[in-house]
Amino acid sequence: MAPVETLVQGGHGLTSPTFDRRGRLLVASSNSGEVHQVVTEGASSTLQTIFNTGGSPATTASAFVTE
């Protein structure tokens, strides 16, 4: 089994990791209702807020479709 690796730090209550059609990793915050994209630049990664669901992000993140 491969060791567990941290991709990004920050965020609260992150859940529902999913990839969009462009291959971007998205996670939902059950605390804030926001959907974030994990953005990697060099050796570090950050969370970029994509949108706020105004409700339950867990079901919205998996249905998120980009242009």
N, C-alpha and C. Protein backbone atom coordinates (compact mmCIF):
# COMPACT_ATOMS: atom_id res chain seq x y z
N MET A 1 0.84 -1.17 0.00
CA MET A 1 0.00 0.00 0.00
C MET A 1 0.89 1.24 0.00
N ALA A 2 0.54 2.21 -0.80
CA ALA A 2 1.32 3.45 -0.89
C ALA A 2 1.08 4.31 0.34
N PRO A 3 2.08 5.09 0.73
CA PRO A 3 1.90 5.97 1.89
C PRO A 3 0.92 7.11 1.56
N VAL A 4 0.26 7.61 2.59
CA VAL A 4 -0.66 8.73 2.43
C VAL A 4 0.15 10.01 2.25
N GLU A 5 -0.26 10.84 1.31
CA GLU A 5 0.45 12.09 1.01
C GLU A 5 -0.52 13.26 1.11
N THR A 6 -0.11 14.33 1.77
CA THR A 6 -0.92 15.54 1.87
C THR A 6 -0.76 16.35 0.58
N LEU A 7 -1.87 16.65 -0.07
CA LEU A 7 -1.83 17.43 -1.31
C LEU A 7 -1.88 18.92 -1.04
N VAL A 8 -2.68 19.32 -0.06
CA VAL A 8 -2.87 20.74 0.25
C VAL A 8 -3.29 20.86 1.70
N GLN A 9 -2.87 21.95 2.34
CA GLN A 9 -3.30 22.21 3.71
C GLN A 9 -4.21 23.43 3.71
N GLY A 10 -5.10 23.46 4.68
CA GLY A 10 -6.06 24.55 4.76
C GLY A 10 -7.45 24.02 4.53
N GLY A 11 -8.39 24.91 4.54
CA GLY A 11 -9.78 24.50 4.37
C GLY A 11 -10.30 23.85 5.63
N HIS A 12 -11.59 23.79 5.75
CA HIS A 12 -12.23 23.20 6.92
C HIS A 12 -13.37 22.30 6.47
N GLY A 13 -13.39 21.10 6.98
CA GLY A 13 -14.46 20.18 6.63
C GLY A 13 -14.45 19.78 5.17
N LEU A 14 -13.25 19.63 4.58
CA LEU A 14 -13.17 19.29 3.16
C LEU A 14 -13.66 17.87 2.93
N THR A 15 -14.46 17.71 1.89
CA THR A 15 -15.08 16.42 1.59
C THR A 15 -15.33 16.31 0.09
N SER A 16 -15.79 15.18 -0.35
CA SER A 16 -16.26 14.94 -1.72
C SER A 16 -15.23 15.28 -2.79
N PRO A 17 -13.99 14.76 -2.70
CA PRO A 17 -13.04 15.04 -3.78
C PRO A 17 -13.55 14.46 -5.10
N THR A 18 -13.42 15.25 -6.14
CA THR A 18 -13.86 14.81 -7.47
C THR A 18 -13.05 15.55 -8.53
N PHE A 19 -12.98 14.98 -9.71
CA PHE A 19 -12.30 15.62 -10.83
C PHE A 19 -13.35 16.11 -11.82
N ASP A 20 -13.17 17.34 -12.34
CA ASP A 20 -14.08 17.83 -13.36
C ASP A 20 -13.64 17.30 -14.72
N ARG A 21 -14.33 17.70 -15.77
CA ARG A 21 -14.03 17.20 -17.11
C ARG A 21 -12.67 17.63 -17.63
N ARG A 22 -12.11 18.69 -17.06
CA ARG A 22 -10.78 19.16 -17.45
C ARG A 22 -9.68 18.49 -16.63
N GLY A 23 -10.06 17.64 -15.69
CA GLY A 23 -9.07 16.94 -14.87
C GLY A 23 -8.65 17.69 -13.63
N ARG A 24 -9.34 18.78 -13.29
CA ARG A 24 -9.01 19.56 -12.10
C ARG A 24 -9.62 18.89 -10.87
N LEU A 25 -8.84 18.85 -9.79
CA LEU A 25 -9.31 18.27 -8.53
C LEU A 25 -10.13 19.31 -7.77
N LEU A 26 -11.37 18.95 -7.42
CA LEU A 26 -12.26 19.82 -6.67
C LEU A 26 -12.61 19.17 -5.34
N VAL A 27 -12.74 19.99 -4.30
CA VAL A 27 -13.19 19.50 -3.00
C VAL A 27 -14.26 20.46 -2.48
N ALA A 28 -15.16 19.94 -1.69
CA ALA A 28 -16.22 20.76 -1.11
C ALA A 28 -15.94 20.97 0.37
N SER A 29 -16.32 22.13 0.88
CA SER A 29 -16.21 22.42 2.31
C SER A 29 -17.60 22.30 2.92
N SER A 30 -17.79 21.31 3.78
CA SER A 30 -19.08 21.15 4.43
C SER A 30 -19.34 22.26 5.43
N ASN A 31 -18.31 22.97 5.87
CA ASN A 31 -18.48 24.07 6.83
C ASN A 31 -18.93 25.36 6.16
N SER A 32 -18.33 25.72 5.02
CA SER A 32 -18.61 27.02 4.41
C SER A 32 -19.57 26.95 3.23
N GLY A 33 -19.79 25.75 2.67
CA GLY A 33 -20.63 25.63 1.48
C GLY A 33 -19.89 25.96 0.20
N GLU A 34 -18.56 26.13 0.29
CA GLU A 34 -17.76 26.47 -0.90
C GLU A 34 -17.21 25.23 -1.58
N VAL A 35 -17.01 25.35 -2.88
CA VAL A 35 -16.32 24.33 -3.67
C VAL A 35 -14.99 24.93 -4.07
N HIS A 36 -13.91 24.20 -3.81
CA HIS A 36 -12.56 24.69 -4.07
C HIS A 36 -11.88 23.83 -5.13
N GLN A 37 -11.00 24.46 -5.91
CA GLN A 37 -10.11 23.74 -6.82
C GLN A 37 -8.75 23.67 -6.15
N VAL A 38 -8.12 22.50 -6.21
CA VAL A 38 -6.75 22.36 -5.72
C VAL A 38 -5.83 22.79 -6.84
N VAL A 39 -5.10 23.90 -6.63
CA VAL A 39 -4.22 24.47 -7.64
C VAL A 39 -2.78 24.19 -7.24
N THR A 40 -2.05 23.51 -8.12
CA THR A 40 -0.65 23.16 -7.84
C THR A 40 0.26 24.05 -8.66
N GLU A 41 1.19 24.68 -7.97
CA GLU A 41 2.21 25.51 -8.61
C GLU A 41 3.56 25.09 -8.07
N GLY A 42 4.36 24.45 -8.90
CA GLY A 42 5.65 23.94 -8.44
C GLY A 42 5.45 22.85 -7.41
N ALA A 43 6.08 23.00 -6.26
CA ALA A 43 6.01 21.99 -5.21
C ALA A 43 4.90 22.25 -4.20
N SER A 44 4.13 23.34 -4.38
CA SER A 44 3.09 23.65 -3.40
C SER A 44 1.72 23.70 -4.06
N SER A 45 0.70 23.49 -3.24
CA SER A 45 -0.69 23.52 -3.71
C SER A 45 -1.50 24.44 -2.81
N THR A 46 -2.51 25.08 -3.39
CA THR A 46 -3.41 25.95 -2.64
C THR A 46 -4.85 25.63 -3.02
N LEU A 47 -5.77 26.14 -2.21
CA LEU A 47 -7.19 26.00 -2.51
C LEU A 47 -7.70 27.30 -3.10
N GLN A 48 -8.34 27.21 -4.26
CA GLN A 48 -8.94 28.38 -4.90
C GLN A 48 -10.45 28.18 -4.88
N THR A 49 -11.18 29.13 -4.32
CA THR A 49 -12.63 29.01 -4.26
C THR A 49 -13.22 29.17 -5.66
N ILE A 50 -14.02 28.20 -6.07
CA ILE A 50 -14.67 28.22 -7.38
C ILE A 50 -16.04 28.88 -7.26
N PHE A 51 -16.85 28.46 -6.28
CA PHE A 51 -18.14 29.07 -6.02
C PHE A 51 -18.66 28.64 -4.66
N ASN A 52 -19.68 29.34 -4.17
CA ASN A 52 -20.34 29.00 -2.93
C ASN A 52 -21.72 28.47 -3.27
N THR A 53 -22.03 27.28 -2.76
CA THR A 53 -23.29 26.63 -3.08
C THR A 53 -24.47 27.27 -2.38
N GLY A 54 -24.20 27.95 -1.27
CA GLY A 54 -25.29 28.50 -0.49
C GLY A 54 -26.10 27.42 0.21
N GLY A 55 -25.56 26.21 0.23
CA GLY A 55 -26.28 25.09 0.85
C GLY A 55 -25.36 23.92 1.05
N SER A 56 -25.79 22.76 0.62
CA SER A 56 -25.05 21.53 0.81
C SER A 56 -24.10 21.29 -0.36
N PRO A 57 -22.80 21.49 -0.14
CA PRO A 57 -21.85 21.36 -1.25
C PRO A 57 -21.54 19.93 -1.65
N ALA A 58 -21.76 18.97 -0.78
CA ALA A 58 -21.36 17.59 -1.07
C ALA A 58 -22.02 17.06 -2.34
N THR A 59 -23.29 17.36 -2.54
CA THR A 59 -23.95 16.88 -3.74
C THR A 59 -23.66 17.76 -4.94
N THR A 60 -23.40 19.03 -4.73
CA THR A 60 -23.12 19.96 -5.82
C THR A 60 -21.76 19.72 -6.43
N ALA A 61 -20.74 19.42 -5.61
CA ALA A 61 -19.37 19.26 -6.11
C ALA A 61 -19.27 18.13 -7.11
N SER A 62 -19.96 17.03 -6.88
CA SER A 62 -19.85 15.91 -7.80
C SER A 62 -20.60 16.16 -9.10
N ALA A 63 -21.51 17.12 -9.12
CA ALA A 63 -22.26 17.44 -10.34
C ALA A 63 -21.69 18.66 -11.06
N PHE A 64 -20.62 19.26 -10.50
CA PHE A 64 -20.04 20.48 -11.07
C PHE A 64 -19.48 20.21 -12.46
N VAL A 65 -19.91 21.02 -13.42
CA VAL A 65 -19.45 20.87 -14.81
C VAL A 65 -18.90 22.22 -15.27
N THR A 66 -17.73 22.20 -15.91
CA THR A 66 -17.14 23.43 -16.41
C THR A 66 -17.30 23.49 -17.92
N GLU A 67 -17.06 24.68 -18.44
CA GLU A 67 -17.14 24.86 -19.89
C GLU A 67 -16.07 24.08 -20.58
